[in-house]
Amino acid sequence: MAQPIVSLLDPEFHDDPVGAYARLREMAPLVPIGFPGGPPVWLITRNEDLKTALSDPRLVVDNRNVPGHHGPSLADQTIAVLDVPEKYQDDLRDYMAANMGLVDGKYHARLRRLVTPAFSVRRMKALRPRIEEISARLLDALARKGSGDLIEEYSSPLTGTVICELIGIDEADQPQVRTWMNDYADPDADTLTSLWNLAEYIKGLIDRRRAEPADDMISVLVQKGDEDGDRLTEAEIVSVVLVVVNNGHHSTAHFIPNAILKLLENPDQLALLRARPDALAHAMHELMRVANPVPTAGPRYATEDMEFAGVPICKGDALTGSLQSANHDPRVFSEPEGCDVERVLRRGQSHAAFGAGPHYCLGAALAHLEGEIALDHLMIQRDTLEIAGRLTYHEPFPGAGAQALSTFPVRL
């Protein structure tokens, strides 16, 4: 990379990430950036280029698929960085080898084909009454107190309970499983122990659902095969569940408070939705664009020397994309720093919050459904919610841009 490396430690990426990424976007479609302690990476800054990259078969998520690649696997790198105890290492390799987000080609297509029935449109639509019920119960409890933390007492238990029920976690086990799920993403918790406790629980649940199927995701994953009788292995099912927990629970739990904050900052848009509640379903696309808590797309590796967006790329180079930059690209979104819940895009244009291409998020419909119900219950059917203290954020990765709230005190 002959171009100067942009440091993500520059204060502007923390103080004004939208403005900082706007500067990079106009500098070039691909910008070499530096991660602390890591090699330079090409950052994709523009919306259409990012979606093209996520669909380009020459760019792979597993660097072992780069011809001539030598070096440790991602699992071995993870084991080294986290100093994973030996007793966990083989299982970790198995789970990462079966992670849909970390594999390419035919194996990824096979996993996707076998997992997709668990996220069918029918199954997602059938969840609405139960999500409405869970949301109303949590909100009633919070309203009786009069004040509390929106994340701890509403959005996290909402998405955690929905994921537990979707997976098929027995009701009596859900409090413990939700604790493991939350620890799994908490840098201050014993993440590895909680991860393995959760994995061992899932293994036991797989055995029970093989013997007695139910109407849940585990049963679908256990029973569903293709026309050739191909079925998911135990390690593949465990890996799918861990991905669902990470992407389906944590990201939506943080999207909800982000979206509420965005509506409170744009009272004209909130007033519009209150006047026309039927517009909320459409507004979710705009709110996903401006309130997405996930900062970047996973890295892709070039399998050959190539030109991308007019920039020469060498075989083995890593590329990643800023979702925040892509979602504020003025080439797609007029007045991108604003929030316009009535925004209508041209055919083929969209935000990038759920990715694109073969790895497009399987849980996108569920995230939309949960977010729509939460915002309806909190902000449309009620007009009393207000911030009741100082908001705090998780410590962001340098240069990430998007931040996840850690506390959101509210009064109802």
Protein backbone atom coordinates (compact mmCIF):
# COMPACT_ATOMS: atom_id res chain seq x y z
CA MET A 1 0.00 0.00 0.00
CA ALA A 2 1.82 3.05 -1.25
CA GLN A 3 -0.73 5.54 0.06
CA PRO A 4 -0.33 7.09 3.53
CA ILE A 5 -1.94 5.01 6.27
CA VAL A 6 -4.87 6.72 8.01
CA SER A 7 -4.68 6.28 11.77
CA LEU A 8 -7.92 5.30 13.44
CA LEU A 9 -6.49 6.73 16.66
CA ASP A 10 -6.97 10.25 15.30
CA PRO A 11 -9.31 12.05 17.75
CA GLU A 12 -11.73 13.00 14.97
CA PHE A 13 -12.82 9.37 14.63
CA HIS A 14 -14.04 9.52 18.23
CA ASP A 15 -15.23 13.13 18.37
CA ASP A 16 -16.98 13.32 14.99
CA PRO A 17 -17.03 9.89 13.31
CA VAL A 18 -19.65 10.85 10.69
CA GLY A 19 -17.55 13.84 9.63
CA ALA A 20 -14.31 11.86 9.76
CA TYR A 21 -15.69 9.14 7.50
CA ALA A 22 -17.14 11.78 5.17
CA ARG A 23 -13.60 13.10 4.71
CA LEU A 24 -12.31 9.60 3.93
CA ARG A 25 -15.21 8.93 1.53
CA GLU A 26 -14.27 11.96 -0.56
CA MET A 27 -10.57 11.13 -0.36
CA ALA A 28 -10.95 7.80 -2.16
CA PRO A 29 -13.28 4.79 -2.48
CA LEU A 30 -10.65 2.66 -0.72
CA VAL A 31 -8.41 4.12 1.98
CA PRO A 32 -5.56 2.28 3.73
CA ILE A 33 -6.12 2.37 7.47
CA GLY A 34 -4.14 1.13 10.44
CA PHE A 35 -5.52 -0.92 13.30
CA PRO A 36 -3.51 -0.85 16.53
CA GLY A 37 -1.08 -3.76 16.47
CA GLY A 38 -2.23 -4.98 13.06
CA PRO A 39 -1.26 -4.70 9.39
CA PRO A 40 -2.77 -2.06 7.09
CA VAL A 41 -6.25 -2.79 5.78
CA TRP A 42 -8.17 -1.27 2.88
CA LEU A 43 -11.26 0.53 4.18
CA ILE A 44 -14.22 0.64 1.77
CA THR A 45 -15.89 4.00 2.31
CA ARG A 46 -18.79 4.12 -0.16
CA ASN A 47 -22.15 2.37 -0.12
CA GLU A 48 -22.24 0.79 -3.57
CA ASP A 49 -18.59 -0.28 -3.40
CA LEU A 50 -19.20 -1.98 -0.06
CA LYS A 51 -22.19 -3.92 -1.37
CA THR A 52 -20.20 -4.89 -4.46
CA ALA A 53 -17.31 -6.13 -2.31
CA LEU A 54 -19.63 -8.23 -0.13
CA SER A 55 -20.93 -9.94 -3.29
CA ASP A 56 -17.60 -10.39 -5.11
CA PRO A 57 -16.50 -14.07 -5.15
CA ARG A 58 -12.87 -12.97 -5.47
CA LEU A 59 -13.07 -11.61 -1.92
CA VAL A 60 -13.35 -14.30 0.76
CA VAL A 61 -13.95 -14.22 4.52
CA ASP A 62 -11.53 -17.08 5.28
CA ASN A 63 -7.96 -16.11 4.44
CA ARG A 64 -7.04 -19.80 4.14
CA ASN A 65 -8.96 -19.69 0.85
CA VAL A 66 -6.39 -17.29 -0.60
CA PRO A 67 -4.16 -19.41 -2.90
CA GLY A 68 -0.72 -19.88 -1.40
CA HIS A 69 -1.78 -18.61 2.02
CA HIS A 70 0.49 -19.67 4.86
CA GLY A 71 -0.04 -18.88 8.48
CA PRO A 72 -2.31 -19.62 11.42
CA SER A 73 -6.05 -19.97 10.99
CA LEU A 74 -8.42 -17.42 12.49
CA ALA A 75 -9.23 -19.97 15.21
CA ASP A 76 -5.55 -20.38 16.09
CA GLN A 77 -5.09 -16.60 16.12
CA THR A 78 -8.10 -16.30 18.44
CA ILE A 79 -6.73 -19.00 20.73
CA ALA A 80 -3.41 -17.18 20.93
CA VAL A 81 -4.85 -13.71 21.48
CA LEU A 82 -7.35 -14.84 24.13
CA ASP A 83 -4.98 -17.37 25.68
CA VAL A 84 -7.72 -20.01 25.45
CA PRO A 85 -7.17 -22.94 27.84
CA GLU A 86 -6.28 -26.20 26.10
CA LYS A 87 -9.50 -27.91 27.23
CA TYR A 88 -11.54 -25.45 25.12
CA GLN A 89 -9.34 -25.27 22.03
CA ASP A 90 -10.66 -28.19 19.96
CA ASP A 91 -14.29 -27.15 20.48
CA LEU A 92 -13.44 -23.55 19.58
CA ARG A 93 -11.84 -24.71 16.33
CA ASP A 94 -14.94 -26.78 15.53
CA TYR A 95 -17.35 -23.91 16.24
CA MET A 96 -15.34 -21.36 14.27
CA ALA A 97 -14.92 -23.80 11.37
CA ALA A 98 -18.74 -24.06 11.20
CA ASN A 99 -19.48 -20.35 11.70
CA MET A 100 -21.51 -19.17 8.68
CA GLY A 101 -19.94 -15.76 8.90
CA LEU A 102 -16.42 -17.17 8.62
CA VAL A 103 -16.73 -19.61 5.72
CA ASP A 104 -17.04 -19.30 1.97
CA GLY A 105 -18.24 -21.04 -1.16
CA LYS A 106 -19.96 -24.39 -1.19
CA TYR A 107 -19.66 -24.98 2.55
CA HIS A 108 -21.23 -21.60 3.31
CA ALA A 109 -24.01 -22.30 0.77
CA ARG A 110 -24.68 -25.69 2.41
CA LEU A 111 -24.95 -24.18 5.90
CA ARG A 112 -27.15 -21.37 4.64
CA ARG A 113 -29.46 -23.82 2.83
CA LEU A 114 -29.92 -25.95 5.94
CA VAL A 115 -30.34 -23.03 8.36
CA THR A 116 -32.65 -20.79 6.30
CA PRO A 117 -35.86 -22.79 7.08
CA ALA A 118 -35.48 -21.83 10.75
CA PHE A 119 -35.85 -18.17 9.68
CA SER A 120 -38.69 -18.57 7.20
CA VAL A 121 -41.15 -15.71 6.65
CA ARG A 122 -43.88 -17.86 8.18
CA ARG A 123 -41.89 -18.48 11.35
CA MET A 124 -40.95 -14.80 11.72
CA LYS A 125 -44.55 -13.58 11.22
CA ALA A 126 -45.78 -16.11 13.75
CA LEU A 127 -43.53 -14.53 16.40
CA ARG A 128 -45.28 -11.13 16.40
CA PRO A 129 -47.98 -11.87 19.04
CA ARG A 130 -45.44 -13.35 21.44
CA ILE A 131 -42.98 -10.46 20.97
CA GLU A 132 -45.85 -8.03 21.57
CA GLU A 133 -46.67 -9.90 24.79
CA ILE A 134 -43.08 -9.93 26.07
CA SER A 135 -42.63 -6.25 25.24
CA ALA A 136 -45.87 -5.23 27.00
CA ARG A 137 -44.95 -7.21 30.13
CA LEU A 138 -41.48 -5.65 30.38
CA LEU A 139 -42.80 -2.17 29.71
CA ASP A 140 -45.57 -2.50 32.29
CA ALA A 141 -43.00 -3.53 34.91
CA LEU A 142 -40.81 -0.55 34.02
CA ALA A 143 -43.78 1.83 34.06
CA ARG A 144 -44.83 0.62 37.53
CA LYS A 145 -41.36 1.57 38.81
CA GLY A 146 -41.61 4.92 37.04
CA SER A 147 -37.96 4.90 36.00
CA GLY A 148 -35.12 2.53 35.24
CA ASP A 149 -32.52 1.54 32.71
CA LEU A 150 -33.98 0.97 29.25
CA ILE A 151 -31.30 -1.52 28.21
CA GLU A 152 -31.10 -3.59 31.37
CA GLU A 153 -34.84 -3.65 32.04
CA TYR A 154 -36.32 -3.60 28.55
CA SER A 155 -34.31 -3.99 25.34
CA SER A 156 -31.86 -6.65 26.54
CA PRO A 157 -34.46 -8.88 28.25
CA LEU A 158 -36.79 -8.38 25.28
CA THR A 159 -34.33 -9.55 22.63
CA GLY A 160 -32.79 -12.14 24.97
CA THR A 161 -36.16 -13.71 25.75
CA VAL A 162 -37.19 -13.70 22.09
CA ILE A 163 -33.96 -15.43 21.08
CA CYS A 164 -34.31 -17.98 23.90
CA GLU A 165 -37.83 -18.83 22.79
CA LEU A 166 -36.86 -18.87 19.12
CA ILE A 167 -34.01 -21.30 19.87
CA GLY A 168 -36.17 -23.43 22.15
CA ILE A 169 -34.62 -22.79 25.57
CA ASP A 170 -36.83 -24.25 28.30
CA GLU A 171 -38.53 -21.45 30.26
CA ALA A 172 -37.01 -22.53 33.58
CA ASP A 173 -33.52 -22.33 32.07
CA GLN A 174 -33.90 -18.96 30.39
CA PRO A 175 -32.60 -16.73 33.24
CA GLN A 176 -29.34 -18.68 33.42
CA VAL A 177 -29.00 -18.92 29.64
CA ARG A 178 -29.61 -15.18 29.26
CA THR A 179 -26.86 -14.55 31.81
CA TRP A 180 -24.46 -16.64 29.71
CA MET A 181 -25.64 -14.84 26.57
CA ASN A 182 -24.94 -11.43 28.09
CA ASP A 183 -21.57 -12.52 29.52
CA TYR A 184 -20.66 -13.85 26.09
CA ALA A 185 -20.48 -10.26 24.80
CA ASP A 186 -19.26 -8.56 28.00
CA PRO A 187 -15.52 -7.79 27.96
CA ASP A 188 -15.51 -7.60 31.76
CA ALA A 189 -17.12 -11.05 32.22
CA ASP A 190 -15.59 -14.53 32.07
CA THR A 191 -16.51 -14.82 28.41
CA LEU A 192 -14.94 -18.20 27.72
CA THR A 193 -16.62 -19.95 30.63
CA SER A 194 -20.02 -18.52 29.72
CA LEU A 195 -19.49 -19.44 26.07
CA TRP A 196 -18.73 -23.04 26.94
CA ASN A 197 -21.56 -23.28 29.44
CA LEU A 198 -23.90 -22.06 26.72
CA ALA A 199 -22.45 -24.50 24.18
CA GLU A 200 -22.80 -27.45 26.57
CA TYR A 201 -26.41 -26.49 27.29
CA ILE A 202 -27.14 -26.37 23.56
CA LYS A 203 -25.64 -29.86 23.12
CA GLY A 204 -28.01 -31.20 25.76
CA LEU A 205 -30.94 -29.43 24.12
CA ILE A 206 -30.01 -30.97 20.76
CA ASP A 207 -30.22 -34.43 22.33
CA ARG A 208 -33.62 -33.66 23.85
CA ARG A 209 -35.04 -32.27 20.60
CA ARG A 210 -33.81 -35.28 18.64
CA ALA A 211 -35.86 -37.44 20.98
CA GLU A 212 -38.84 -35.07 21.26
CA PRO A 213 -39.05 -32.35 18.56
CA ALA A 214 -40.84 -29.10 19.35
CA ASP A 215 -41.82 -26.01 17.38
CA ASP A 216 -38.49 -24.23 17.80
CA MET A 217 -35.28 -23.47 15.93
CA ILE A 218 -33.26 -26.31 17.46
CA SER A 219 -35.88 -28.83 16.32
CA VAL A 220 -35.84 -27.39 12.79
CA LEU A 221 -32.04 -27.53 12.67
CA VAL A 222 -31.99 -31.08 14.04
CA GLN A 223 -34.73 -32.45 11.80
CA LYS A 224 -34.28 -30.49 8.60
CA GLY A 225 -32.30 -32.16 5.83
CA ASP A 226 -32.08 -31.66 2.10
CA GLU A 227 -33.13 -34.02 -0.67
CA ASP A 228 -29.91 -35.97 -0.25
CA GLY A 229 -30.45 -36.45 3.48
CA ASP A 230 -27.70 -33.98 4.42
CA ARG A 231 -28.10 -32.70 7.98
CA LEU A 232 -26.24 -30.31 10.23
CA THR A 233 -23.71 -31.76 12.65
CA GLU A 234 -23.81 -31.03 16.38
CA ALA A 235 -20.91 -28.56 16.08
CA GLU A 236 -22.68 -26.80 13.19
CA ILE A 237 -25.91 -26.43 15.18
CA VAL A 238 -24.03 -25.09 18.21
CA SER A 239 -22.20 -22.62 15.97
CA VAL A 240 -25.48 -21.45 14.39
CA VAL A 241 -26.98 -20.83 17.83
CA LEU A 242 -23.92 -18.85 18.98
CA VAL A 243 -24.13 -16.69 15.84
CA VAL A 244 -27.85 -16.12 16.44
CA VAL A 245 -27.16 -15.09 20.05
CA ASN A 246 -24.45 -12.66 19.05
CA ASN A 247 -26.16 -11.15 16.01
CA GLY A 248 -29.82 -11.58 16.93
CA HIS A 249 -29.74 -10.64 20.61
CA HIS A 250 -26.95 -8.18 21.24
CA SER A 251 -27.14 -6.06 18.08
CA THR A 252 -30.93 -5.55 18.31
CA ALA A 253 -30.77 -4.88 22.05
CA HIS A 254 -28.47 -1.94 21.26
CA PHE A 255 -30.30 -0.82 18.13
CA ILE A 256 -33.51 -0.14 20.10
CA PRO A 257 -32.01 2.51 22.47
CA ASN A 258 -30.01 4.00 19.58
CA ALA A 259 -33.22 4.41 17.57
CA ILE A 260 -35.09 5.91 20.52
CA LEU A 261 -32.28 8.42 21.04
CA LYS A 262 -32.38 9.32 17.34
CA LEU A 263 -36.15 9.92 17.48
CA LEU A 264 -35.81 12.06 20.61
CA GLU A 265 -33.17 14.11 18.78
CA ASN A 266 -35.55 14.52 15.83
CA PRO A 267 -38.92 15.45 17.41
CA ASP A 268 -40.45 16.35 14.03
CA GLN A 269 -39.88 12.79 12.83
CA LEU A 270 -41.28 11.36 16.07
CA ALA A 271 -44.35 13.59 15.73
CA LEU A 272 -44.86 12.34 12.18
CA LEU A 273 -44.81 8.71 13.33
CA ARG A 274 -47.20 9.43 16.16
CA ALA A 275 -49.58 11.06 13.71
CA ARG A 276 -49.21 8.16 11.26
CA PRO A 277 -48.35 4.96 13.16
CA ASP A 278 -48.74 2.95 9.97
CA ALA A 279 -45.57 4.66 8.68
CA LEU A 280 -43.40 2.96 11.30
CA ALA A 281 -42.77 -0.19 9.25
CA HIS A 282 -41.30 1.91 6.42
CA ALA A 283 -39.44 4.15 8.88
CA MET A 284 -37.52 1.15 10.21
CA HIS A 285 -35.27 1.23 7.14
CA GLU A 286 -34.19 4.79 7.89
CA LEU A 287 -33.76 4.07 11.59
CA MET A 288 -31.65 1.01 10.80
CA ARG A 289 -29.49 3.30 8.65
CA VAL A 290 -28.90 6.01 11.26
CA ALA A 291 -29.02 3.95 14.48
CA ASN A 292 -27.13 0.80 13.51
CA PRO A 293 -24.82 -0.19 16.41
CA VAL A 294 -22.58 -2.44 14.26
CA PRO A 295 -19.66 -0.32 13.00
CA THR A 296 -17.91 -2.40 10.34
CA ALA A 297 -18.30 -5.34 8.00
CA GLY A 298 -16.10 -8.36 8.62
CA PRO A 299 -12.84 -8.44 6.65
CA ARG A 300 -12.57 -9.88 3.15
CA TYR A 301 -9.33 -11.14 1.56
CA ALA A 302 -8.38 -10.84 -2.10
CA THR A 303 -7.78 -14.23 -3.72
CA GLU A 304 -5.92 -12.66 -6.65
CA ASP A 305 -4.32 -9.44 -7.82
CA MET A 306 -7.22 -7.30 -8.90
CA GLU A 307 -8.56 -3.82 -9.37
CA PHE A 308 -11.43 -2.79 -7.12
CA ALA A 309 -13.18 0.57 -7.35
CA GLY A 310 -10.26 1.71 -9.51
CA VAL A 311 -7.66 0.81 -6.87
CA PRO A 312 -5.02 -1.93 -7.44
CA ILE A 313 -5.38 -4.67 -4.81
CA CYS A 314 -2.76 -7.38 -4.22
CA LYS A 315 -3.57 -11.02 -3.55
CA GLY A 316 -3.93 -11.52 0.20
CA ASP A 317 -4.79 -7.88 0.96
CA ALA A 318 -7.53 -7.42 3.56
CA LEU A 319 -10.52 -5.16 2.93
CA THR A 320 -13.18 -4.08 5.38
CA GLY A 321 -16.02 -1.60 5.13
CA SER A 322 -17.36 1.07 7.42
CA LEU A 323 -21.10 0.48 7.69
CA GLN A 324 -21.46 3.94 9.19
CA SER A 325 -19.68 5.53 6.25
CA ALA A 326 -21.71 3.49 3.74
CA ASN A 327 -24.94 4.44 5.51
CA HIS A 328 -24.08 8.15 5.28
CA ASP A 329 -22.96 8.16 1.65
CA PRO A 330 -24.50 11.19 -0.13
CA ARG A 331 -24.30 9.27 -3.42
CA VAL A 332 -27.21 7.20 -2.12
CA PHE A 333 -28.78 9.25 0.68
CA SER A 334 -29.62 12.93 0.21
CA GLU A 335 -28.82 14.96 3.34
CA PRO A 336 -27.36 11.78 4.87
CA GLU A 337 -26.70 13.27 8.32
CA GLY A 338 -30.42 13.90 8.79
CA CYS A 339 -33.12 11.42 9.79
CA ASP A 340 -36.00 11.24 7.30
CA VAL A 341 -38.44 8.47 8.22
CA GLU A 342 -40.27 9.01 4.93
CA ARG A 343 -37.12 8.61 2.84
CA VAL A 344 -37.68 6.73 -0.43
CA LEU A 345 -34.70 5.32 -2.29
CA ARG A 346 -34.34 4.35 -5.93
CA ARG A 347 -34.64 0.67 -6.82
CA GLY A 348 -31.49 -1.22 -5.84
CA GLN A 349 -30.41 1.33 -3.25
CA SER A 350 -30.40 0.47 0.46
CA HIS A 351 -28.59 0.88 3.73
CA ALA A 352 -25.84 -1.60 4.56
CA ALA A 353 -26.72 -2.41 8.18
CA PHE A 354 -27.41 -6.07 7.36
CA GLY A 355 -24.59 -6.48 4.87
CA ALA A 356 -25.12 -7.74 1.34
CA GLY A 357 -24.46 -10.71 -0.90
CA PRO A 358 -24.28 -14.34 0.24
CA HIS A 359 -23.64 -13.35 3.87
CA TYR A 360 -26.65 -11.02 4.12
CA CYS A 361 -28.02 -11.28 7.66
CA LEU A 362 -30.50 -14.15 8.01
CA GLY A 363 -32.06 -12.45 11.02
CA ALA A 364 -32.85 -9.14 9.29
CA ALA A 365 -36.61 -9.76 9.32
CA LEU A 366 -36.56 -10.62 13.03
CA ALA A 367 -34.53 -7.49 13.86
CA HIS A 368 -37.04 -5.35 11.94
CA LEU A 369 -39.95 -7.00 13.74
CA GLU A 370 -38.47 -6.60 17.23
CA GLY A 371 -37.41 -3.02 16.56
CA GLU A 372 -40.79 -2.05 15.14
CA ILE A 373 -42.67 -3.52 18.11
CA ALA A 374 -40.33 -1.91 20.65
CA LEU A 375 -40.56 1.54 19.08
CA ASP A 376 -44.33 1.26 18.73
CA HIS A 377 -44.75 0.34 22.41
CA LEU A 378 -42.21 2.83 23.74
CA MET A 379 -42.62 5.87 21.51
CA ILE A 380 -45.86 5.65 19.51
CA GLN A 381 -48.39 4.20 21.93
CA ARG A 382 -46.78 6.25 24.74
CA ASP A 383 -45.55 9.83 24.74
CA THR A 384 -44.08 10.03 28.22
CA LEU A 385 -40.62 8.45 27.86
CA GLU A 386 -37.79 10.84 28.65
CA ILE A 387 -34.10 10.53 29.43
CA ALA A 388 -33.58 10.62 33.19
CA GLY A 389 -29.81 10.80 33.57
CA ARG A 390 -26.46 10.51 31.88
CA LEU A 391 -26.08 8.07 29.00
CA THR A 392 -22.94 5.96 29.04
CA TYR A 393 -21.31 3.99 26.26
CA HIS A 394 -19.22 0.87 25.99
CA GLU A 395 -15.60 1.69 25.26
CA PRO A 396 -15.47 1.69 21.45
CA PHE A 397 -12.78 0.13 19.36
CA PRO A 398 -10.60 2.99 18.06
CA GLY A 399 -12.07 4.39 14.89
CA ALA A 400 -15.16 2.19 14.95
CA GLY A 401 -17.48 5.20 14.77
CA ALA A 402 -20.72 3.58 15.90
CA GLN A 403 -21.01 3.19 19.66
CA ALA A 404 -23.12 0.89 21.80
CA LEU A 405 -24.88 2.39 24.80
CA SER A 406 -24.19 0.66 28.09
CA THR A 407 -26.73 2.55 30.23
CA PHE A 408 -29.86 4.47 29.21
CA PRO A 409 -31.73 5.83 32.26
CA VAL A 410 -35.33 6.72 31.45
CA ARG A 411 -38.46 7.95 33.17
CA LEU A 412 -41.95 6.95 32.02
